[in-house]
Amino acid sequence: MNILDKILAVKRDEVAAAKALRPMEQIEAAAHRAAPVRGLASALRREAGQPVRVLAEIKRASPSAGAIRADANPGDIAVEYDAGGAAAISVLTDEQFFCGHLDFLARVRTRVPQPLLRKDFIIDRYQVAEARAAGADAILLIVAALDASHLADLLATASLYQLDALVEVHDAAEAEVALAAGASLLGVNHRDLKTFTIDMTLTEQIAKRVPPSVVLVGESGIKTAADVRRLGDAGAHAVLVGETLMRAKSPAAALRELLA
């Protein structure tokens, strides 16, 4: 069993437990009371001549890197990202594998104006409503974790709750699935979730297949301003950066360097 399969098995159990503790009706009611969403896609889209946007990620740990900044206060990190020029903020909410928590969304939302992405392994409509109720403006959907009909259903559910959906792919075939399902925000993860190997050419390969109307985001392995420029030249509107910023003494300064 690879790491993605292991995470998804745990996630199914977590969702079942969450439903038993707090029924869908309660989550839906909380979602409908939530504050208006702040659009992620519009925050990440860049017009010709504009700089690449940064979706800065709050990530305390990961299966590939281990502990990164295990005691990080998510609100404080978000303020650093705001000061550094982040267009939006990604918040890891997976507990077991990434040392995150659903409550981090509310803690960040009160501190910064940027739209927030709930970064997790979304496999159920319950998690979509839960994201809206917790303060997210968008969710992550991973093609490798979903079949085509399930992806389409979760995209429709996200739209129902007025959430944007960043649809993540790892190769050209997955990109075709995402686009066929109607993805308007496409993330290309350079890290293979099964092997953890990095291929920084993936955005360049997939960008050729992406319509101009789709917001393209390069993810993983981004460490320098040169990496950001390379992905921007390839057609990316934005980049998602977590580990590089979280390891820096000053995340704000590190983000400014990436945008230089």
Protein backbone atom coordinates (compact mmCIF):
# COMPACT_ATOMS: atom_id res chain seq x y z
CA MET A 1 0.00 0.00 0.00
CA ASN A 2 1.49 3.37 -1.06
CA ILE A 3 1.20 6.52 1.05
CA LEU A 4 -1.79 7.90 -0.87
CA ASP A 5 -3.74 4.68 -0.38
CA LYS A 6 -2.84 4.71 3.31
CA ILE A 7 -3.99 8.32 3.73
CA LEU A 8 -7.27 7.65 1.92
CA ALA A 9 -8.00 4.62 4.10
CA VAL A 10 -7.50 6.73 7.21
CA LYS A 11 -9.56 9.55 5.72
CA ARG A 12 -12.55 7.28 5.12
CA ASP A 13 -12.52 6.31 8.79
CA GLU A 14 -12.14 9.96 9.85
CA VAL A 15 -15.11 11.07 7.74
CA ALA A 16 -17.30 8.28 9.15
CA ALA A 17 -16.35 9.30 12.69
CA ALA A 18 -17.01 12.99 11.98
CA LYS A 19 -20.47 12.21 10.58
CA ALA A 20 -21.33 10.23 13.69
CA LEU A 21 -20.18 13.06 15.94
CA ARG A 22 -21.73 15.92 13.99
CA PRO A 23 -24.44 14.99 11.46
CA MET A 24 -24.56 16.48 7.98
CA GLU A 25 -27.60 18.59 8.88
CA GLN A 26 -25.57 20.46 11.51
CA ILE A 27 -22.67 20.99 9.11
CA GLU A 28 -24.99 22.27 6.38
CA ALA A 29 -26.61 24.74 8.76
CA ALA A 30 -23.19 26.04 9.82
CA ALA A 31 -22.09 26.30 6.18
CA HIS A 32 -25.12 28.42 5.31
CA ARG A 33 -24.29 30.76 8.21
CA ALA A 34 -20.68 31.18 7.11
CA ALA A 35 -19.31 34.53 5.95
CA PRO A 36 -19.24 35.29 2.20
CA VAL A 37 -16.47 33.52 0.33
CA ARG A 38 -13.40 35.29 -1.01
CA GLY A 39 -12.66 33.97 -4.50
CA LEU A 40 -9.50 31.89 -4.83
CA ALA A 41 -9.51 31.65 -8.61
CA SER A 42 -9.80 35.42 -9.05
CA ALA A 43 -7.01 35.98 -6.52
CA LEU A 44 -4.66 33.62 -8.37
CA ARG A 45 -5.43 34.63 -11.95
CA ARG A 46 -2.81 36.92 -13.48
CA GLU A 47 -3.09 38.94 -16.63
CA ALA A 48 -0.29 39.28 -19.17
CA GLY A 49 2.66 41.20 -17.77
CA GLN A 50 1.64 40.72 -14.15
CA PRO A 51 3.81 38.82 -11.66
CA VAL A 52 3.17 35.21 -10.72
CA ARG A 53 0.85 34.90 -7.73
CA VAL A 54 1.83 32.87 -4.66
CA LEU A 55 -0.53 30.53 -2.83
CA ALA A 56 1.45 30.28 0.41
CA GLU A 57 0.91 27.15 2.45
CA ILE A 58 0.73 26.60 6.20
CA LYS A 59 2.25 23.14 6.56
CA ARG A 60 3.67 21.96 9.87
CA ALA A 61 4.75 18.53 8.60
CA SER A 62 4.39 16.09 5.72
CA PRO A 63 4.95 12.37 5.07
CA SER A 64 7.82 13.16 2.70
CA ALA A 65 9.60 15.81 4.82
CA GLY A 66 8.63 14.85 8.36
CA ALA A 67 8.39 17.71 10.85
CA ILE A 68 8.87 21.09 9.16
CA ARG A 69 7.69 23.63 11.75
CA ALA A 70 5.74 21.46 14.13
CA ASP A 71 4.85 24.15 16.66
CA ALA A 72 3.94 26.85 14.13
CA ASN A 73 1.01 29.08 15.07
CA PRO A 74 -1.16 29.15 11.91
CA GLY A 75 -2.44 32.67 12.55
CA ASP A 76 1.07 34.06 13.01
CA ILE A 77 2.32 32.34 9.85
CA ALA A 78 -0.66 33.74 7.92
CA VAL A 79 0.24 37.27 9.04
CA GLU A 80 3.79 36.67 7.78
CA TYR A 81 2.41 35.54 4.43
CA ASP A 82 0.18 38.58 4.22
CA ALA A 83 3.18 40.83 4.85
CA GLY A 84 5.23 38.96 2.26
CA GLY A 85 2.71 39.44 -0.54
CA ALA A 86 0.77 36.16 -0.70
CA ALA A 87 -2.25 36.27 -2.99
CA ALA A 88 -3.95 33.45 -1.08
CA ILE A 89 -3.20 30.98 1.70
CA SER A 90 -3.40 27.19 1.72
CA VAL A 91 -4.16 25.64 5.12
CA LEU A 92 -3.36 21.98 5.77
CA THR A 93 -6.21 20.50 7.82
CA ASP A 94 -5.16 16.84 7.81
CA GLU A 95 -4.11 15.89 11.35
CA GLN A 96 -2.48 12.47 11.20
CA PHE A 97 -0.13 12.98 8.26
CA PHE A 98 0.38 16.76 8.07
CA CYS A 99 -0.04 17.94 11.68
CA GLY A 100 -2.89 20.22 10.67
CA HIS A 101 -6.38 20.80 12.02
CA LEU A 102 -9.74 21.96 10.69
CA ASP A 103 -9.79 24.71 13.33
CA PHE A 104 -6.75 26.32 11.68
CA LEU A 105 -9.05 27.79 9.02
CA ALA A 106 -10.95 29.92 11.52
CA ARG A 107 -7.74 30.93 13.28
CA VAL A 108 -6.27 32.15 9.99
CA ARG A 109 -9.43 33.77 8.64
CA THR A 110 -9.62 36.19 11.56
CA ARG A 111 -6.06 37.38 10.92
CA VAL A 112 -5.77 37.99 7.16
CA PRO A 113 -7.94 39.07 4.20
CA GLN A 114 -6.70 36.52 1.64
CA PRO A 115 -8.89 33.65 0.41
CA LEU A 116 -8.19 30.32 2.11
CA LEU A 117 -7.82 26.90 0.54
CA ARG A 118 -8.67 23.87 2.66
CA LYS A 119 -5.80 21.53 1.80
CA ASP A 120 -6.86 18.00 2.63
CA PHE A 121 -7.88 14.73 1.02
CA ILE A 122 -11.49 15.48 0.13
CA ILE A 123 -13.44 12.33 -0.70
CA ASP A 124 -16.96 13.08 0.57
CA ARG A 125 -19.60 15.80 0.24
CA TYR A 126 -19.53 16.08 4.01
CA GLN A 127 -15.96 17.46 3.87
CA VAL A 128 -17.01 20.09 1.32
CA ALA A 129 -19.77 21.43 3.58
CA GLU A 130 -17.39 21.11 6.54
CA ALA A 131 -14.83 23.26 4.73
CA ARG A 132 -17.38 26.02 4.10
CA ALA A 133 -18.56 25.91 7.70
CA ALA A 134 -14.97 26.10 8.98
CA GLY A 135 -14.12 29.23 7.00
CA ALA A 136 -12.57 27.96 3.77
CA ASP A 137 -13.08 29.76 0.47
CA ALA A 138 -11.92 26.82 -1.64
CA ILE A 139 -11.12 23.12 -1.43
CA LEU A 140 -8.52 20.83 -2.95
CA LEU A 141 -9.66 17.88 -5.07
CA ILE A 142 -7.00 15.33 -6.05
CA VAL A 143 -7.68 13.43 -9.28
CA ALA A 144 -5.50 10.51 -8.15
CA ALA A 145 -7.85 10.02 -5.19
CA LEU A 146 -11.14 10.14 -7.13
CA ASP A 147 -12.73 8.54 -10.16
CA ALA A 148 -14.20 10.81 -12.84
CA SER A 149 -17.81 10.66 -11.64
CA HIS A 150 -16.79 11.25 -8.02
CA LEU A 151 -14.68 14.23 -9.08
CA ALA A 152 -17.59 15.71 -11.03
CA ASP A 153 -19.90 15.23 -8.06
CA LEU A 154 -17.53 16.97 -5.64
CA LEU A 155 -16.98 19.83 -8.09
CA ALA A 156 -20.75 20.31 -8.27
CA THR A 157 -20.98 20.18 -4.48
CA ALA A 158 -18.24 22.80 -4.16
CA SER A 159 -20.18 25.06 -6.51
CA LEU A 160 -23.32 24.51 -4.43
CA TYR A 161 -21.47 25.90 -1.41
CA GLN A 162 -19.91 28.71 -3.49
CA LEU A 163 -16.44 27.28 -3.01
CA ASP A 164 -13.73 27.30 -5.66
CA ALA A 165 -12.00 23.97 -6.22
CA LEU A 166 -8.31 23.58 -7.00
CA VAL A 167 -8.17 20.30 -8.91
CA GLU A 168 -4.76 18.69 -8.53
CA VAL A 169 -3.14 16.48 -11.17
CA HIS A 170 0.16 14.65 -11.48
CA ASP A 171 0.34 13.92 -15.22
CA ALA A 172 -1.24 14.77 -18.57
CA ALA A 173 -3.82 11.99 -18.37
CA GLU A 174 -5.10 13.29 -15.02
CA ALA A 175 -5.19 16.80 -16.46
CA GLU A 176 -7.51 15.59 -19.21
CA VAL A 177 -9.80 14.05 -16.58
CA ALA A 178 -9.82 17.29 -14.57
CA LEU A 179 -10.58 19.48 -17.57
CA ALA A 180 -13.31 17.12 -18.80
CA ALA A 181 -14.93 17.36 -15.36
CA GLY A 182 -15.04 21.15 -15.67
CA ALA A 183 -12.07 22.23 -13.56
CA SER A 184 -11.41 25.96 -13.88
CA LEU A 185 -8.54 25.98 -11.37
CA LEU A 186 -5.88 23.36 -12.16
CA GLY A 187 -2.94 22.52 -9.91
CA VAL A 188 0.01 20.55 -11.26
CA ASN A 189 1.77 18.77 -8.40
CA HIS A 190 5.38 18.08 -9.33
CA ARG A 191 5.58 15.53 -6.49
CA ASP A 192 4.30 12.03 -7.19
CA LEU A 193 2.10 11.19 -4.18
CA LYS A 194 2.94 7.51 -4.50
CA THR A 195 6.75 7.74 -4.76
CA PHE A 196 7.48 11.33 -3.58
CA THR A 197 9.77 11.92 -6.58
CA ILE A 198 9.78 15.46 -8.04
CA ASP A 199 9.53 16.37 -11.73
CA MET A 200 9.72 20.14 -12.19
CA THR A 201 8.92 19.83 -15.92
CA LEU A 202 5.33 18.71 -15.37
CA THR A 203 3.80 22.19 -15.42
CA GLU A 204 5.59 22.92 -18.68
CA GLN A 205 4.29 19.68 -20.19
CA ILE A 206 0.70 20.13 -19.07
CA ALA A 207 0.40 23.89 -19.69
CA LYS A 208 0.19 23.22 -23.44
CA ARG A 209 -3.10 21.36 -22.89
CA VAL A 210 -4.75 23.95 -20.64
CA PRO A 211 -7.27 26.44 -22.10
CA PRO A 212 -6.60 30.15 -21.42
CA SER A 213 -9.73 30.35 -19.27
CA VAL A 214 -8.29 27.90 -16.72
CA VAL A 215 -6.11 29.22 -13.88
CA LEU A 216 -2.95 27.10 -13.78
CA VAL A 217 -1.03 26.58 -10.52
CA GLY A 218 2.41 24.93 -10.22
CA GLU A 219 2.91 23.00 -6.97
CA SER A 220 5.80 21.41 -5.03
CA GLY A 221 9.57 21.65 -5.33
CA ILE A 222 9.57 25.46 -5.64
CA LYS A 223 12.55 26.91 -3.79
CA THR A 224 13.84 29.98 -5.63
CA ALA A 225 12.74 33.04 -7.58
CA ALA A 226 14.15 31.30 -10.66
CA ASP A 227 11.73 28.41 -10.10
CA VAL A 228 8.84 30.87 -9.91
CA ARG A 229 9.96 32.62 -13.11
CA ARG A 230 10.32 29.30 -14.90
CA LEU A 231 6.81 28.24 -14.03
CA GLY A 232 5.44 31.66 -14.92
CA ASP A 233 7.15 31.48 -18.30
CA ALA A 234 5.57 28.06 -18.81
CA GLY A 235 2.12 29.58 -18.33
CA ALA A 236 1.40 29.21 -14.62
CA HIS A 237 -0.73 31.95 -13.09
CA ALA A 238 0.40 31.03 -9.59
CA VAL A 239 2.61 28.72 -7.55
CA LEU A 240 1.84 26.89 -4.34
CA VAL A 241 4.77 27.04 -1.91
CA GLY A 242 4.84 25.58 1.59
CA GLU A 243 7.99 23.88 2.83
CA THR A 244 10.42 26.53 1.55
CA LEU A 245 8.52 29.27 3.38
CA MET A 246 7.80 27.27 6.52
CA ARG A 247 11.49 26.43 7.01
CA ALA A 248 12.57 30.07 6.68
CA LYS A 249 13.36 32.11 9.79
CA SER A 250 11.16 34.83 8.32
CA PRO A 251 8.42 33.43 6.04
CA ALA A 252 7.59 36.99 4.97
CA ALA A 253 11.15 37.70 3.85
CA ALA A 254 11.39 34.32 2.11
CA LEU A 255 8.16 35.02 0.23
CA ARG A 256 9.41 38.45 -0.86
CA GLU A 257 12.57 36.79 -2.20
CA LEU A 258 10.49 34.33 -4.25
CA LEU A 259 8.54 37.23 -5.75
CA ALA A 260 11.64 39.31 -6.48
